[in-house]
Amino acid sequence: MGKYDGILIASDLDGTFLGKKSRVVQENVDAVRAFCAEGGLFTFATGRHHGHILQVLPETPALCNIPVIFANGAYLYDYATERVLCETFMDIDLTSEMLRYVRAEHRRIGFRATTPQGFVTDGRTDIMRRFIENAQGQPYRVEVAPLEGWTQRLWHKIVFRGAPEDIDVLATDLRVQFGEMFEFNRSSDTFLEAQRLGCSKGTMLEVLRRVYVQLRGIPIKTVGVGNHENDLSLLNAADVSACPADAEPFVLEKAAIHLCPHDEGALADLISRIGR
């Protein structure tokens, strides 16, 4: 029996586990390794793709001893077997309609779709062109083509990118025009993410809980950690909710435990509290 048997931590990555400018916080890495060595279950619940995450945290497969929640809960990926365990895709017709609307009405906004292979984008804004350049040599694919020419047709989610003031306008508009068709979440000041209705980090955390209760035959206590709007479902679904001290104000209101700022080792702080 380990010190942390029966405890499952699901942590957001950017702004939670990673420090400023995607810095790897060694205190978090060391704390997670010790947590898993004592029987704890650890995974990420992130908006990223399973190849994209390796660009900022190559240690991900070694740190996560259970499958990882990717694309805000659109799919569950197991690094041990290198396969997707379950996934949800967006409706192509509805999503295409929304993207054509954004292209016509919000011309400064760039967008990309997350696919099983990586990403697809039309690359029509400076932000998206920089994204394409940064993908060179990385462990994921980026298809670049006009929207009508996208050949990768299985979309886990859509990410809209732009200046904060433009994303503010876009978020308000899309929630009015398409709010009954999609889940919309901010993940930063410059990101708005859309996915299939009912798809979330929290939904997939419930899947993980059920699976591990069946496998281990013991109750599983879940701990959700995050900092932004796309983490609220994770915090709501978890038995214990936590966030860094510098999380968004509405996340601070939701979380039961307030940790140190994310750049100072929020996950290490959390695990130290669990171990008391």
C-alpha atoms as a PDB file:
ATOM      1  CA  MET A   1       0.000   0.000   0.000  1.00  0.00           C
ATOM      2  CA  GLY A   2       1.365   3.383  -0.988  1.00  0.00           C
ATOM      3  CA  LYS A   3       0.884   6.706   0.731  1.00  0.00           C
ATOM      4  CA  TYR A   4      -1.252   8.013  -2.148  1.00  0.00           C
ATOM      5  CA  ASP A   5      -3.213   4.892  -3.154  1.00  0.00           C
ATOM      6  CA  GLY A   6      -6.684   5.779  -4.381  1.00  0.00           C
ATOM      7  CA  ILE A   7      -5.862   9.418  -5.244  1.00  0.00           C
ATOM      8  CA  LEU A   8      -6.024  10.614  -8.866  1.00  0.00           C
ATOM      9  CA  ILE A   9      -4.704  14.070  -9.761  1.00  0.00           C
ATOM     10  CA  ALA A  10      -5.706  15.580 -13.120  1.00  0.00           C
ATOM     11  CA  SER A  11      -3.815  18.796 -13.803  1.00  0.00           C
ATOM     12  CA  ASP A  12      -4.070  21.453 -16.456  1.00  0.00           C
ATOM     13  CA  LEU A  13      -0.734  22.147 -18.155  1.00  0.00           C
ATOM     14  CA  ASP A  14      -0.304  25.767 -19.285  1.00  0.00           C
ATOM     15  CA  GLY A  15      -0.613  28.257 -16.453  1.00  0.00           C
ATOM     16  CA  THR A  16      -0.867  25.441 -13.898  1.00  0.00           C
ATOM     17  CA  PHE A  17       1.842  22.765 -14.151  1.00  0.00           C
ATOM     18  CA  LEU A  18       4.174  24.759 -16.384  1.00  0.00           C
ATOM     19  CA  GLY A  19       5.627  28.077 -15.266  1.00  0.00           C
ATOM     20  CA  LYS A  20       5.784  31.369 -17.117  1.00  0.00           C
ATOM     21  CA  LYS A  21       6.619  31.137 -20.830  1.00  0.00           C
ATOM     22  CA  SER A  22       6.056  27.349 -20.652  1.00  0.00           C
ATOM     23  CA  ARG A  23       8.959  26.882 -18.254  1.00  0.00           C
ATOM     24  CA  VAL A  24       9.224  23.366 -16.809  1.00  0.00           C
ATOM     25  CA  VAL A  25       9.037  23.780 -13.023  1.00  0.00           C
ATOM     26  CA  GLN A  26      11.358  21.094 -11.659  1.00  0.00           C
ATOM     27  CA  GLU A  27       9.647  21.103  -8.238  1.00  0.00           C
ATOM     28  CA  ASN A  28       6.447  19.941  -9.941  1.00  0.00           C
ATOM     29  CA  VAL A  29       8.234  17.193 -11.871  1.00  0.00           C
ATOM     30  CA  ASP A  30       9.939  15.877  -8.738  1.00  0.00           C
ATOM     31  CA  ALA A  31       6.734  16.016  -6.683  1.00  0.00           C
ATOM     32  CA  VAL A  32       4.715  14.121  -9.307  1.00  0.00           C
ATOM     33  CA  ARG A  33       7.363  11.406  -9.557  1.00  0.00           C
ATOM     34  CA  ALA A  34       7.302  10.962  -5.765  1.00  0.00           C
ATOM     35  CA  PHE A  35       3.486  10.974  -5.780  1.00  0.00           C
ATOM     36  CA  CYS A  36       3.309   8.194  -8.384  1.00  0.00           C
ATOM     37  CA  ALA A  37       6.020   6.168  -6.629  1.00  0.00           C
ATOM     38  CA  GLU A  38       3.745   6.106  -3.554  1.00  0.00           C
ATOM     39  CA  GLY A  39       0.734   4.758  -5.440  1.00  0.00           C
ATOM     40  CA  GLY A  40      -0.817   7.998  -6.732  1.00  0.00           C
ATOM     41  CA  LEU A  41      -2.382   8.307 -10.182  1.00  0.00           C
ATOM     42  CA  PHE A  42      -1.344  11.362 -12.188  1.00  0.00           C
ATOM     43  CA  THR A  43      -2.441  12.713 -15.548  1.00  0.00           C
ATOM     44  CA  PHE A  44      -2.839  15.953 -17.462  1.00  0.00           C
ATOM     45  CA  ALA A  45      -6.147  17.425 -18.613  1.00  0.00           C
ATOM     46  CA  THR A  46      -5.065  19.838 -21.307  1.00  0.00           C
ATOM     47  CA  GLY A  47      -6.237  21.525 -24.463  1.00  0.00           C
ATOM     48  CA  ARG A  48      -3.118  20.351 -26.255  1.00  0.00           C
ATOM     49  CA  HIS A  49      -2.625  17.458 -28.705  1.00  0.00           C
ATOM     50  CA  HIS A  50      -0.619  14.388 -27.570  1.00  0.00           C
ATOM     51  CA  GLY A  51       2.205  15.307 -29.969  1.00  0.00           C
ATOM     52  CA  HIS A  52       2.025  19.038 -29.306  1.00  0.00           C
ATOM     53  CA  ILE A  53       2.511  18.598 -25.546  1.00  0.00           C
ATOM     54  CA  LEU A  54       5.914  16.990 -26.132  1.00  0.00           C
ATOM     55  CA  GLN A  55       7.142  20.287 -27.591  1.00  0.00           C
ATOM     56  CA  VAL A  56       6.989  21.883 -24.136  1.00  0.00           C
ATOM     57  CA  LEU A  57       7.146  18.861 -21.821  1.00  0.00           C
ATOM     58  CA  PRO A  58       9.007  15.864 -23.307  1.00  0.00           C
ATOM     59  CA  GLU A  59       8.725  14.088 -19.923  1.00  0.00           C
ATOM     60  CA  THR A  60       4.936  13.730 -20.279  1.00  0.00           C
ATOM     61  CA  PRO A  61       4.867   9.969 -21.048  1.00  0.00           C
ATOM     62  CA  ALA A  62       7.089   9.249 -18.025  1.00  0.00           C
ATOM     63  CA  LEU A  63       5.154  11.521 -15.655  1.00  0.00           C
ATOM     64  CA  CYS A  64       1.643  10.289 -16.464  1.00  0.00           C
ATOM     65  CA  ASN A  65       1.008   6.777 -15.167  1.00  0.00           C
ATOM     66  CA  ILE A  66      -2.562   6.747 -16.516  1.00  0.00           C
ATOM     67  CA  PRO A  67      -4.034   7.901 -19.870  1.00  0.00           C
ATOM     68  CA  VAL A  68      -4.020  11.638 -20.585  1.00  0.00           C
ATOM     69  CA  ILE A  69      -7.010  13.894 -21.302  1.00  0.00           C
ATOM     70  CA  PHE A  70      -6.319  15.886 -24.483  1.00  0.00           C
ATOM     71  CA  ALA A  71      -8.118  18.528 -26.571  1.00  0.00           C
ATOM     72  CA  ASN A  72     -10.186  19.663 -23.558  1.00  0.00           C
ATOM     73  CA  GLY A  73     -11.639  16.177 -23.130  1.00  0.00           C
ATOM     74  CA  ALA A  74     -12.205  15.302 -26.785  1.00  0.00           C
ATOM     75  CA  TYR A  75      -9.956  12.261 -26.483  1.00  0.00           C
ATOM     76  CA  LEU A  76      -8.052  10.064 -24.069  1.00  0.00           C
ATOM     77  CA  TYR A  77      -4.554   8.952 -25.066  1.00  0.00           C
ATOM     78  CA  ASP A  78      -2.437   6.189 -23.536  1.00  0.00           C
ATOM     79  CA  TYR A  79       1.315   6.736 -23.968  1.00  0.00           C
ATOM     80  CA  ALA A  80       2.054   3.215 -22.714  1.00  0.00           C
ATOM     81  CA  THR A  81       0.326   1.655 -25.722  1.00  0.00           C
ATOM     82  CA  GLU A  82       0.589   4.728 -28.001  1.00  0.00           C
ATOM     83  CA  ARG A  83      -3.083   4.689 -28.876  1.00  0.00           C
ATOM     84  CA  VAL A  84      -6.288   6.672 -28.448  1.00  0.00           C
ATOM     85  CA  LEU A  85      -8.676   4.951 -26.038  1.00  0.00           C
ATOM     86  CA  CYS A  86     -11.804   7.007 -26.735  1.00  0.00           C
ATOM     87  CA  GLU A  87     -12.548  10.172 -28.669  1.00  0.00           C
ATOM     88  CA  THR A  88     -15.285  12.584 -29.739  1.00  0.00           C
ATOM     89  CA  PHE A  89     -15.366  14.461 -33.041  1.00  0.00           C
ATOM     90  CA  MET A  90     -17.115  17.654 -34.099  1.00  0.00           C
ATOM     91  CA  ASP A  91     -19.940  17.717 -36.639  1.00  0.00           C
ATOM     92  CA  ILE A  92     -18.270  18.652 -39.937  1.00  0.00           C
ATOM     93  CA  ASP A  93     -21.222  20.542 -41.436  1.00  0.00           C
ATOM     94  CA  LEU A  94     -22.010  22.603 -38.339  1.00  0.00           C
ATOM     95  CA  THR A  95     -18.350  23.368 -37.691  1.00  0.00           C
ATOM     96  CA  SER A  96     -17.688  24.344 -41.304  1.00  0.00           C
ATOM     97  CA  GLU A  97     -20.635  26.747 -41.135  1.00  0.00           C
ATOM     98  CA  MET A  98     -19.170  28.360 -38.018  1.00  0.00           C
ATOM     99  CA  LEU A  99     -15.700  28.658 -39.558  1.00  0.00           C
ATOM    100  CA  ARG A 100     -17.073  30.254 -42.726  1.00  0.00           C
ATOM    101  CA  TYR A 101     -18.919  32.750 -40.516  1.00  0.00           C
ATOM    102  CA  VAL A 102     -15.735  33.618 -38.603  1.00  0.00           C
ATOM    103  CA  ARG A 103     -13.762  33.965 -41.820  1.00  0.00           C
ATOM    104  CA  ALA A 104     -16.346  36.423 -43.186  1.00  0.00           C
ATOM    105  CA  GLU A 105     -17.183  38.395 -40.031  1.00  0.00           C
ATOM    106  CA  HIS A 106     -13.954  38.314 -37.984  1.00  0.00           C
ATOM    107  CA  ARG A 107     -11.174  38.629 -40.509  1.00  0.00           C
ATOM    108  CA  ARG A 108      -8.400  39.300 -37.971  1.00  0.00           C
ATOM    109  CA  ILE A 109      -9.053  35.949 -36.258  1.00  0.00           C
ATOM    110  CA  GLY A 110      -7.026  32.887 -37.212  1.00  0.00           C
ATOM    111  CA  PHE A 111      -8.142  29.345 -36.533  1.00  0.00           C
ATOM    112  CA  ARG A 112      -6.960  25.761 -36.546  1.00  0.00           C
ATOM    113  CA  ALA A 113      -8.555  22.352 -36.014  1.00  0.00           C
ATOM    114  CA  THR A 114      -7.059  19.640 -33.821  1.00  0.00           C
ATOM    115  CA  THR A 115      -7.090  16.279 -35.611  1.00  0.00           C
ATOM    116  CA  PRO A 116      -5.796  12.785 -34.751  1.00  0.00           C
ATOM    117  CA  GLN A 117      -2.691  13.529 -36.857  1.00  0.00           C
ATOM    118  CA  GLY A 118      -2.041  17.018 -35.513  1.00  0.00           C
ATOM    119  CA  PHE A 119      -3.578  20.234 -36.846  1.00  0.00           C
ATOM    120  CA  VAL A 120      -5.062  21.791 -39.951  1.00  0.00           C
ATOM    121  CA  THR A 121      -5.234  25.544 -40.630  1.00  0.00           C
ATOM    122  CA  ASP A 122      -5.695  27.978 -43.490  1.00  0.00           C
ATOM    123  CA  GLY A 123      -2.736  30.002 -42.184  1.00  0.00           C
ATOM    124  CA  ARG A 124      -4.357  33.285 -43.149  1.00  0.00           C
ATOM    125  CA  THR A 125      -3.202  35.429 -40.189  1.00  0.00           C
ATOM    126  CA  ASP A 126       0.236  36.292 -38.838  1.00  0.00           C
ATOM    127  CA  ILE A 127      -0.467  34.346 -35.638  1.00  0.00           C
ATOM    128  CA  MET A 128      -1.289  31.180 -37.555  1.00  0.00           C
ATOM    129  CA  ARG A 129       1.689  31.622 -39.865  1.00  0.00           C
ATOM    130  CA  ARG A 130       3.934  31.751 -36.784  1.00  0.00           C
ATOM    131  CA  PHE A 131       2.237  28.601 -35.495  1.00  0.00           C
ATOM    132  CA  ILE A 132       3.064  26.856 -38.784  1.00  0.00           C
ATOM    133  CA  GLU A 133       6.702  27.972 -38.604  1.00  0.00           C
ATOM    134  CA  ASN A 134       7.058  26.769 -35.002  1.00  0.00           C
ATOM    135  CA  ALA A 135       5.741  23.329 -35.985  1.00  0.00           C
ATOM    136  CA  GLN A 136       8.759  22.568 -38.156  1.00  0.00           C
ATOM    137  CA  GLY A 137      10.473  19.403 -36.902  1.00  0.00           C
ATOM    138  CA  GLN A 138       7.912  18.776 -34.152  1.00  0.00           C
ATOM    139  CA  PRO A 139       6.199  15.403 -33.385  1.00  0.00           C
ATOM    140  CA  TYR A 140       2.877  16.384 -34.996  1.00  0.00           C
ATOM    141  CA  ARG A 141       1.639  17.342 -38.465  1.00  0.00           C
ATOM    142  CA  VAL A 142       0.224  20.633 -39.639  1.00  0.00           C
ATOM    143  CA  GLU A 143      -1.795  20.668 -42.861  1.00  0.00           C
ATOM    144  CA  VAL A 144      -2.068  24.113 -44.452  1.00  0.00           C
ATOM    145  CA  ALA A 145      -4.867  24.709 -46.953  1.00  0.00           C
ATOM    146  CA  PRO A 146      -7.924  26.911 -47.536  1.00  0.00           C
ATOM    147  CA  LEU A 147     -10.874  25.786 -45.410  1.00  0.00           C
ATOM    148  CA  GLU A 148     -12.631  24.202 -48.399  1.00  0.00           C
ATOM    149  CA  GLY A 149      -9.505  22.167 -49.134  1.00  0.00           C
ATOM    150  CA  TRP A 150      -8.938  20.644 -45.683  1.00  0.00           C
ATOM    151  CA  THR A 151      -8.399  16.922 -46.196  1.00  0.00           C
ATOM    152  CA  GLN A 152      -8.184  16.016 -42.497  1.00  0.00           C
ATOM    153  CA  ARG A 153     -11.905  15.788 -41.713  1.00  0.00           C
ATOM    154  CA  LEU A 154     -11.917  14.405 -38.166  1.00  0.00           C
ATOM    155  CA  TRP A 155     -11.811  17.429 -35.859  1.00  0.00           C
ATOM    156  CA  HIS A 156     -11.518  17.138 -32.086  1.00  0.00           C
ATOM    157  CA  LYS A 157     -11.794  20.879 -31.485  1.00  0.00           C
ATOM    158  CA  ILE A 158     -11.293  24.310 -33.062  1.00  0.00           C
ATOM    159  CA  VAL A 159      -8.920  26.939 -31.653  1.00  0.00           C
ATOM    160  CA  PHE A 160      -9.454  30.597 -32.572  1.00  0.00           C
ATOM    161  CA  ARG A 161      -6.512  32.939 -32.040  1.00  0.00           C
ATOM    162  CA  GLY A 162      -6.241  36.705 -32.103  1.00  0.00           C
ATOM    163  CA  ALA A 163      -5.586  39.829 -30.086  1.00  0.00           C
ATOM    164  CA  PRO A 164      -7.374  39.865 -26.699  1.00  0.00           C
ATOM    165  CA  GLU A 165      -9.831  42.559 -27.747  1.00  0.00           C
ATOM    166  CA  ASP A 166     -10.709  40.656 -30.936  1.00  0.00           C
ATOM    167  CA  ILE A 167     -11.158  37.381 -29.037  1.00  0.00           C
ATOM    168  CA  ASP A 168     -13.472  39.200 -26.585  1.00  0.00           C
ATOM    169  CA  VAL A 169     -15.723  40.273 -29.473  1.00  0.00           C
ATOM    170  CA  LEU A 170     -15.542  36.843 -31.117  1.00  0.00           C
ATOM    171  CA  ALA A 171     -16.465  34.985 -27.927  1.00  0.00           C
ATOM    172  CA  THR A 172     -19.546  37.147 -27.392  1.00  0.00           C
ATOM    173  CA  ASP A 173     -20.634  36.817 -31.008  1.00  0.00           C
ATOM    174  CA  LEU A 174     -20.166  33.045 -31.316  1.00  0.00           C
ATOM    175  CA  ARG A 175     -21.986  32.348 -28.066  1.00  0.00           C
ATOM    176  CA  VAL A 176     -24.974  34.238 -29.496  1.00  0.00           C
ATOM    177  CA  GLN A 177     -24.801  32.735 -32.978  1.00  0.00           C
ATOM    178  CA  PHE A 178     -23.727  29.163 -32.171  1.00  0.00           C
ATOM    179  CA  GLY A 179     -23.995  28.781 -28.397  1.00  0.00           C
ATOM    180  CA  GLU A 180     -26.594  25.997 -28.610  1.00  0.00           C
ATOM    181  CA  MET A 181     -24.407  23.958 -30.973  1.00  0.00           C
ATOM    182  CA  PHE A 182     -20.926  24.009 -29.393  1.00  0.00           C
ATOM    183  CA  GLU A 183     -18.998  24.259 -26.143  1.00  0.00           C
ATOM    184  CA  PHE A 184     -16.999  27.519 -26.074  1.00  0.00           C
ATOM    185  CA  ASN A 185     -14.187  28.131 -23.588  1.00  0.00           C
ATOM    186  CA  ARG A 186     -11.402  30.653 -23.162  1.00  0.00           C
ATOM    187  CA  SER A 187      -8.029  29.103 -22.347  1.00  0.00           C
ATOM    188  CA  SER A 188      -6.089  32.401 -22.401  1.00  0.00           C
ATOM    189  CA  ASP A 189      -6.627  36.040 -23.350  1.00  0.00           C
ATOM    190  CA  THR A 190      -5.738  35.236 -26.969  1.00  0.00           C
ATOM    191  CA  PHE A 191      -7.491  31.852 -27.351  1.00  0.00           C
ATOM    192  CA  LEU A 192     -11.117  30.795 -27.763  1.00  0.00           C
ATOM    193  CA  GLU A 193     -11.789  27.071 -28.158  1.00  0.00           C
ATOM    194  CA  ALA A 194     -14.857  25.324 -29.558  1.00  0.00           C
ATOM    195  CA  GLN A 195     -15.833  21.665 -29.446  1.00  0.00           C
ATOM    196  CA  ARG A 196     -18.763  19.306 -29.554  1.00  0.00           C
ATOM    197  CA  LEU A 197     -21.564  20.070 -27.111  1.00  0.00           C
ATOM    198  CA  GLY A 198     -21.097  18.125 -23.881  1.00  0.00           C
ATOM    199  CA  CYS A 199     -17.399  17.463 -24.465  1.00  0.00           C
ATOM    200  CA  SER A 200     -15.159  18.671 -21.620  1.00  0.00           C
ATOM    201  CA  LYS A 201     -12.238  17.881 -19.346  1.00  0.00           C
ATOM    202  CA  GLY A 202     -14.717  17.099 -16.582  1.00  0.00           C
ATOM    203  CA  THR A 203     -16.609  14.561 -18.684  1.00  0.00           C
ATOM    204  CA  MET A 204     -13.401  12.669 -19.420  1.00  0.00           C
ATOM    205  CA  LEU A 205     -12.292  12.802 -15.790  1.00  0.00           C
ATOM    206  CA  GLU A 206     -15.481  10.916 -14.934  1.00  0.00           C
ATOM    207  CA  VAL A 207     -14.545   8.278 -17.525  1.00  0.00           C
ATOM    208  CA  LEU A 208     -11.121   7.856 -15.914  1.00  0.00           C
ATOM    209  CA  ARG A 209     -12.637   7.590 -12.454  1.00  0.00           C
ATOM    210  CA  ARG A 210     -15.037   4.813 -13.516  1.00  0.00           C
ATOM    211  CA  VAL A 211     -12.295   2.874 -15.279  1.00  0.00           C
ATOM    212  CA  TYR A 212      -9.922   2.940 -12.330  1.00  0.00           C
ATOM    213  CA  VAL A 213     -12.592   2.082  -9.791  1.00  0.00           C
ATOM    214  CA  GLN A 214     -13.321  -1.016 -11.885  1.00  0.00           C
ATOM    215  CA  LEU A 215      -9.644  -1.886 -12.330  1.00  0.00           C
ATOM    216  CA  ARG A 216      -8.561  -1.384  -8.725  1.00  0.00           C
ATOM    217  CA  GLY A 217     -11.747  -2.321  -6.952  1.00  0.00           C
ATOM    218  CA  ILE A 218     -11.353   0.580  -4.519  1.00  0.00           C
ATOM    219  CA  PRO A 219     -12.850   4.087  -4.355  1.00  0.00           C
ATOM    220  CA  ILE A 220     -10.901   6.724  -6.268  1.00  0.00           C
ATOM    221  CA  LYS A 221     -10.645  10.295  -4.960  1.00  0.00           C
ATOM    222  CA  THR A 222     -10.127  12.762  -7.805  1.00  0.00           C
ATOM    223  CA  VAL A 223      -8.321  16.098  -7.561  1.00  0.00           C
ATOM    224  CA  GLY A 224      -8.702  18.616 -10.392  1.00  0.00           C
ATOM    225  CA  VAL A 225      -6.263  21.509 -10.838  1.00  0.00           C
ATOM    226  CA  GLY A 226      -6.595  24.345 -13.346  1.00  0.00           C
ATOM    227  CA  ASN A 227      -6.469  28.069 -13.938  1.00  0.00           C
ATOM    228  CA  HIS A 228      -8.856  29.145 -16.722  1.00  0.00           C
ATOM    229  CA  GLU A 229     -12.366  28.826 -18.130  1.00  0.00           C
ATOM    230  CA  ASN A 230     -11.690  25.521 -19.912  1.00  0.00           C
ATOM    231  CA  ASP A 231     -10.774  24.035 -16.509  1.00  0.00           C
ATOM    232  CA  LEU A 232     -14.068  24.793 -14.765  1.00  0.00           C
ATOM    233  CA  SER A 233     -15.659  21.493 -15.807  1.00  0.00           C
ATOM    234  CA  LEU A 234     -12.607  19.663 -14.436  1.00  0.00           C
ATOM    235  CA  LEU A 235     -12.910  21.419 -11.096  1.00  0.00           C
ATOM    236  CA  ASN A 236     -16.655  20.776 -10.991  1.00  0.00           C
ATOM    237  CA  ALA A 237     -16.228  17.055 -11.703  1.00  0.00           C
ATOM    238  CA  ALA A 238     -13.409  16.466  -9.203  1.00  0.00           C
ATOM    239  CA  ASP A 239     -13.904  15.506  -5.560  1.00  0.00           C
ATOM    240  CA  VAL A 240     -11.335  18.165  -4.644  1.00  0.00           C
ATOM    241  CA  SER A 241     -10.736  21.325  -6.717  1.00  0.00           C
ATOM    242  CA  ALA A 242      -7.567  23.405  -6.640  1.00  0.00           C
ATOM    243  CA  CYS A 243      -5.990  26.258  -8.582  1.00  0.00           C
ATOM    244  CA  PRO A 244      -2.846  28.392  -8.562  1.00  0.00           C
ATOM    245  CA  ALA A 245      -3.037  31.668  -6.655  1.00  0.00           C
ATOM    246  CA  ASP A 246      -2.806  33.572  -9.946  1.00  0.00           C
ATOM    247  CA  ALA A 247      -5.673  31.727 -11.664  1.00  0.00           C
ATOM    248  CA  GLU A 248      -8.519  33.703 -13.212  1.00  0.00           C
ATOM    249  CA  PRO A 249     -10.791  35.307 -10.569  1.00  0.00           C
ATOM    250  CA  PHE A 250     -13.790  33.119 -11.470  1.00  0.00           C
ATOM    251  CA  VAL A 251     -11.600  30.016 -11.060  1.00  0.00           C
ATOM    252  CA  LEU A 252     -10.405  31.220  -7.665  1.00  0.00           C
ATOM    253  CA  GLU A 253     -14.069  31.493  -6.646  1.00  0.00           C
ATOM    254  CA  LYS A 254     -14.731  27.904  -7.754  1.00  0.00           C
ATOM    255  CA  ALA A 255     -11.629  26.146  -6.368  1.00  0.00           C
ATOM    256  CA  ALA A 256     -11.659  24.860  -2.798  1.00  0.00           C
ATOM    257  CA  ILE A 257      -7.848  25.001  -2.468  1.00  0.00           C
ATOM    258  CA  HIS A 258      -5.710  27.962  -3.493  1.00  0.00           C
ATOM    259  CA  LEU A 259      -2.092  26.998  -4.165  1.00  0.00           C
ATOM    260  CA  CYS A 260       1.031  29.086  -4.684  1.00  0.00           C
ATOM    261  CA  PRO A 261       1.396  30.928  -8.049  1.00  0.00           C
ATOM    262  CA  HIS A 262       1.916  28.609 -11.010  1.00  0.00           C
ATOM    263  CA  ASP A 263       5.502  29.742 -11.598  1.00  0.00           C
ATOM    264  CA  GLU A 264       6.449  28.735  -8.051  1.00  0.00           C
ATOM    265  CA  GLY A 265       5.430  25.051  -8.158  1.00  0.00           C
ATOM    266  CA  ALA A 266       1.653  24.803  -7.716  1.00  0.00           C
ATOM    267  CA  LEU A 267       1.568  21.008  -8.192  1.00  0.00           C
ATOM    268  CA  ALA A 268       4.362  20.497  -5.692  1.00  0.00           C
ATOM    269  CA  ASP A 269       2.383  22.653  -3.262  1.00  0.00           C
ATOM    270  CA  LEU A 270      -0.742  20.553  -3.846  1.00  0.00           C
ATOM    271  CA  ILE A 271       1.016  17.223  -3.337  1.00  0.00           C
ATOM    272  CA  SER A 272       2.675  18.478  -0.167  1.00  0.00           C
ATOM    273  CA  ARG A 273      -0.765  19.322   1.212  1.00  0.00           C
ATOM    274  CA  ILE A 274      -2.203  15.931   0.259  1.00  0.00           C
ATOM    275  CA  GLY A 275       0.679  14.282   2.073  1.00  0.00           C
ATOM    276  CA  ARG A 276       0.099  16.028   5.399  1.00  0.00           C
END
